[in-house]
Amino acid sequence: MIQHLLHISHVSKHFGGNVAVSDVSFSVDEKQIFGLIGPNGAGKTTLFNCITGFFPATYGDVIFDNKKINSLRPDEVCHLGMVRTWQRVKPLGSLTVLENVMVGAFSITNSIREAEAIAQENLQSVGLTEYANKSAGSLPIGLKKKLELARVLATHPKMLLLDEICGGLNHTETGSILDIIRSVRQKGATIVFIEHDMKAVTSICDRIVVLNSGEKLAEGTPEEITNNPDVIAAYLGGGHNA
């Protein structure tokens, strides 16, 4: 039976008098690929930060795997099986590609040998095996995005939250990332991702939520979202970068 792995219930986030996220609710099912879209400043990354423990929600609840996680730190959320990437990839530049991924693996093991094996496996899964001994800081942006994926995959997550994982990539690089995401889902993980590339979002997502000015504007299948007049007016046809 399909179950909700993540449930966002009336979540709001205030910064003083500024309401960044307002009364947002939605659920993500196990093994689903779920898109979160909206104009710049819509509250997408702020919501990710609330979900993963970097910001406490002002109101509402975040339920992950049947547990309320509002008060947990990011490392505690990670240990429950939820991990995230960042818009601006920042690998540990003085370490090798392999060592960067081992950092992720150390969240689930204390063994250096086991961490290295996990890292090698995940480098292979994203196509970075040949770069294992190179300095992480020397990689171009497309490969740094793959490294970011390998590092979070090394934690053996139930759910990945990907913040503009395709941002700054060309068509070929984007296609490669989407293939990896599909493969991760086939292995049993659930994915929620923020993305501005509408072609990428509609090609891969099962469901999409649209945020606008911190509020949920719409939710539905890719077809429903791309044909929604409110979404077209506020986002798709509103002069914003998509």
Protein backbone atom coordinates (compact mmCIF):
# COMPACT_ATOMS: atom_id res chain seq x y z
CA MET A 1 0.00 0.00 0.00
CA ILE A 2 1.32 3.46 -0.94
CA GLN A 3 1.94 5.60 2.14
CA HIS A 4 2.79 9.25 2.67
CA LEU A 5 6.49 9.43 3.49
CA LEU A 6 6.40 13.19 4.01
CA HIS A 7 3.44 15.27 5.16
CA ILE A 8 3.65 19.07 5.37
CA SER A 9 0.78 20.36 7.49
CA HIS A 10 -0.02 24.11 7.47
CA VAL A 11 3.64 25.11 7.62
CA SER A 12 4.47 28.82 7.89
CA LYS A 13 7.80 30.56 8.37
CA HIS A 14 8.06 34.17 9.53
CA PHE A 15 11.22 36.28 9.70
CA GLY A 16 10.07 39.13 11.91
CA GLY A 17 7.27 40.77 9.96
CA ASN A 18 8.18 39.01 6.72
CA VAL A 19 6.10 35.91 5.93
CA ALA A 20 8.32 33.73 3.73
CA VAL A 21 6.05 30.66 3.78
CA SER A 22 2.35 30.81 4.62
CA ASP A 23 0.12 27.86 5.55
CA VAL A 24 1.54 25.34 3.06
CA SER A 25 0.28 21.74 3.11
CA PHE A 26 1.00 18.76 0.87
CA SER A 27 2.00 15.10 1.07
CA VAL A 28 4.63 13.08 -0.78
CA ASP A 29 4.14 9.35 -1.29
CA GLU A 30 6.85 6.71 -1.08
CA LYS A 31 8.93 6.36 -4.27
CA GLN A 32 7.37 9.48 -5.76
CA ILE A 33 9.23 12.16 -7.70
CA PHE A 34 7.69 15.40 -6.49
CA GLY A 35 8.40 18.85 -7.92
CA LEU A 36 8.33 22.17 -6.07
CA ILE A 37 8.25 25.14 -8.43
CA GLY A 38 7.50 28.85 -8.41
CA PRO A 39 9.01 32.25 -9.18
CA ASN A 40 12.16 33.46 -7.46
CA GLY A 41 11.32 34.45 -3.90
CA ALA A 42 8.30 32.14 -3.73
CA GLY A 43 9.56 30.45 -0.55
CA LYS A 44 10.78 27.15 -2.02
CA THR A 45 14.21 27.00 -0.39
CA THR A 46 12.85 28.41 2.88
CA LEU A 47 10.35 25.54 2.93
CA PHE A 48 13.18 23.06 2.29
CA ASN A 49 15.05 24.59 5.22
CA CYS A 50 12.01 24.13 7.47
CA ILE A 51 11.55 20.54 6.35
CA THR A 52 15.18 19.57 6.96
CA GLY A 53 15.69 21.34 10.30
CA PHE A 54 17.82 24.31 9.22
CA PHE A 55 14.98 26.71 10.12
CA PRO A 56 12.29 25.96 12.71
CA ALA A 57 8.81 26.36 11.27
CA THR A 58 6.90 29.22 12.90
CA TYR A 59 3.65 27.29 12.62
CA GLY A 60 2.61 23.86 11.38
CA ASP A 61 4.08 20.39 11.42
CA VAL A 62 6.55 18.40 9.35
CA ILE A 63 5.85 14.66 9.52
CA PHE A 64 8.46 12.31 8.02
CA ASP A 65 8.06 8.55 8.07
CA ASN A 66 5.26 8.90 10.64
CA LYS A 67 7.42 11.01 12.97
CA LYS A 68 7.03 14.71 13.78
CA ILE A 69 10.45 16.21 13.07
CA ASN A 70 9.87 19.94 13.72
CA SER A 71 12.33 20.15 16.60
CA LEU A 72 15.11 17.99 15.13
CA ARG A 73 18.52 19.25 14.03
CA PRO A 74 19.61 18.70 10.41
CA ASP A 75 21.97 15.87 11.42
CA GLU A 76 19.14 14.14 13.28
CA VAL A 77 16.89 14.50 10.22
CA CYS A 78 19.67 12.97 8.13
CA HIS A 79 19.92 9.99 10.45
CA LEU A 80 16.19 9.40 9.99
CA GLY A 81 16.80 9.10 6.25
CA MET A 82 16.12 12.56 4.78
CA VAL A 83 18.95 14.46 3.10
CA ARG A 84 19.20 17.57 0.94
CA THR A 85 21.44 19.27 -1.58
CA TRP A 86 22.04 23.01 -1.93
CA GLN A 87 21.54 25.49 -4.76
CA ARG A 88 25.19 26.47 -4.63
CA VAL A 89 27.31 23.35 -4.56
CA LYS A 90 30.22 23.67 -2.15
CA PRO A 91 32.31 20.51 -2.09
CA LEU A 92 35.18 20.28 0.38
CA GLY A 93 37.64 21.57 -2.17
CA SER A 94 40.81 20.42 -0.41
CA LEU A 95 39.58 16.81 -0.35
CA THR A 96 39.35 14.39 -3.24
CA VAL A 97 36.08 13.49 -4.89
CA LEU A 98 36.17 10.11 -3.13
CA GLU A 99 36.83 11.69 0.27
CA ASN A 100 33.90 14.08 -0.20
CA VAL A 101 31.54 11.16 -0.72
CA MET A 102 33.07 9.31 2.23
CA VAL A 103 31.99 12.24 4.41
CA GLY A 104 28.40 11.37 3.54
CA ALA A 105 29.01 7.68 4.20
CA PHE A 106 30.31 8.40 7.70
CA SER A 107 26.73 9.27 8.68
CA ILE A 108 25.94 5.56 8.54
CA THR A 109 29.24 3.88 9.41
CA ASN A 110 32.35 4.47 11.55
CA SER A 111 34.48 2.16 9.40
CA ILE A 112 36.87 3.87 6.98
CA ARG A 113 36.95 0.77 4.80
CA GLU A 114 33.16 0.56 4.66
CA ALA A 115 32.81 4.29 4.03
CA GLU A 116 35.23 4.03 1.10
CA ALA A 117 33.29 1.08 -0.35
CA ILE A 118 30.00 3.00 -0.05
CA ALA A 119 31.62 6.05 -1.65
CA GLN A 120 33.04 4.05 -4.56
CA GLU A 121 29.64 2.47 -5.18
CA ASN A 122 27.92 5.84 -5.30
CA LEU A 123 30.59 7.43 -7.47
CA GLN A 124 29.96 4.65 -9.93
CA SER A 125 26.20 5.22 -9.79
CA VAL A 126 26.61 8.88 -10.85
CA GLY A 127 29.41 8.28 -13.34
CA LEU A 128 32.29 9.83 -11.39
CA THR A 129 34.52 6.80 -10.79
CA GLU A 130 37.30 8.15 -13.02
CA TYR A 131 37.40 11.37 -10.97
CA ALA A 132 37.68 9.66 -7.57
CA ASN A 133 41.21 10.86 -6.83
CA LYS A 134 40.87 14.35 -8.29
CA SER A 135 40.47 17.44 -6.13
CA ALA A 136 36.75 18.12 -5.66
CA GLY A 137 37.32 21.83 -6.08
CA SER A 138 38.73 21.32 -9.58
CA LEU A 139 35.55 19.84 -11.04
CA PRO A 140 33.35 21.82 -13.45
CA ILE A 141 29.82 22.66 -12.27
CA GLY A 142 28.15 19.70 -14.03
CA LEU A 143 30.41 17.21 -12.24
CA LYS A 144 30.11 19.07 -8.93
CA LYS A 145 26.34 18.57 -9.15
CA LYS A 146 26.90 14.84 -9.62
CA LEU A 147 29.31 14.85 -6.68
CA GLU A 148 26.64 16.53 -4.56
CA LEU A 149 24.26 13.72 -5.51
CA ALA A 150 26.82 11.01 -4.74
CA ARG A 151 27.52 12.53 -1.33
CA VAL A 152 23.88 12.53 -0.25
CA LEU A 153 23.27 9.08 -1.76
CA ALA A 154 26.11 7.75 0.41
CA THR A 155 23.88 8.35 3.45
CA HIS A 156 21.47 5.70 2.08
CA PRO A 157 18.49 8.07 2.27
CA LYS A 158 14.79 7.26 2.13
CA MET A 159 14.14 10.76 0.76
CA LEU A 160 16.25 13.27 -1.15
CA LEU A 161 15.43 16.98 -1.27
CA LEU A 162 17.25 18.45 -4.27
CA ASP A 163 17.50 22.24 -4.48
CA GLU A 164 17.96 23.24 -8.14
CA ILE A 165 20.16 20.23 -8.86
CA CYS A 166 19.93 21.08 -12.58
CA GLY A 167 20.62 24.78 -12.11
CA GLY A 168 23.37 26.10 -14.38
CA LEU A 169 23.58 22.92 -16.44
CA ASN A 170 23.24 22.51 -20.19
CA HIS A 171 20.68 20.23 -21.83
CA THR A 172 22.96 17.18 -21.89
CA GLU A 173 24.07 17.61 -18.28
CA THR A 174 20.45 18.09 -17.17
CA GLY A 175 19.43 14.89 -18.96
CA SER A 176 22.20 12.99 -17.19
CA ILE A 177 21.07 14.26 -13.76
CA LEU A 178 17.45 13.33 -14.52
CA ASP A 179 18.55 9.81 -15.48
CA ILE A 180 20.31 9.50 -12.12
CA ILE A 181 17.18 10.70 -10.30
CA ARG A 182 15.06 8.11 -12.11
CA SER A 183 17.58 5.40 -11.17
CA VAL A 184 17.53 6.50 -7.53
CA ARG A 185 13.74 6.23 -7.49
CA GLN A 186 13.90 2.76 -9.04
CA LYS A 187 16.10 1.71 -6.12
CA GLY A 188 13.37 2.78 -3.69
CA ALA A 189 14.11 6.38 -2.72
CA THR A 190 11.65 9.28 -2.78
CA ILE A 191 12.65 12.59 -4.36
CA VAL A 192 11.40 16.14 -3.85
CA PHE A 193 13.10 18.73 -5.97
CA ILE A 194 13.06 22.45 -6.62
CA GLU A 195 13.67 23.31 -10.23
CA HIS A 196 13.20 26.21 -12.64
CA ASP A 197 13.59 24.12 -15.80
CA MET A 198 9.93 23.40 -16.56
CA LYS A 199 10.77 20.87 -19.26
CA ALA A 200 12.81 18.90 -16.73
CA VAL A 201 10.09 19.13 -14.07
CA THR A 202 7.25 18.03 -16.33
CA SER A 203 9.28 15.20 -17.84
CA ILE A 204 10.10 13.50 -14.55
CA CYS A 205 7.64 14.47 -11.80
CA ASP A 206 4.60 12.48 -10.68
CA ARG A 207 3.14 15.52 -8.93
CA ILE A 208 4.03 19.20 -8.64
CA VAL A 209 3.28 21.90 -6.08
CA VAL A 210 3.50 25.54 -7.16
CA LEU A 211 4.38 28.21 -4.60
CA ASN A 212 3.80 31.91 -5.18
CA SER A 213 4.62 34.63 -2.64
CA GLY A 214 5.03 31.97 0.04
CA GLU A 215 1.61 30.40 -0.51
CA LYS A 216 0.57 27.22 -2.27
CA LEU A 217 -0.93 28.27 -5.58
CA ALA A 218 -1.64 24.86 -7.09
CA GLU A 219 -0.95 21.14 -6.89
CA GLY A 220 -1.42 18.42 -9.47
CA THR A 221 0.09 16.29 -12.21
CA PRO A 222 2.47 17.94 -14.70
CA GLU A 223 -0.37 18.17 -17.22
CA GLU A 224 -2.71 19.77 -14.69
CA ILE A 225 -0.06 22.29 -13.64
CA THR A 226 0.94 23.34 -17.15
CA ASN A 227 -2.73 23.87 -18.05
CA ASN A 228 -3.68 25.70 -14.83
CA PRO A 229 -4.65 29.33 -15.64
CA ASP A 230 -3.49 30.61 -12.24
CA VAL A 231 -0.08 28.98 -12.68
CA ILE A 232 0.25 30.33 -16.21
CA ALA A 233 -0.62 33.84 -15.02
CA ALA A 234 1.61 33.83 -11.94
CA TYR A 235 4.58 31.82 -13.16
CA LEU A 236 4.70 30.18 -16.57
CA GLY A 237 3.44 33.20 -18.44
CA GLY A 238 4.33 35.86 -15.93
CA GLY A 239 7.68 36.87 -17.31
CA HIS A 240 9.72 34.89 -14.76
CA ASN A 241 12.63 32.68 -15.67
CA ALA A 242 11.28 29.17 -15.98
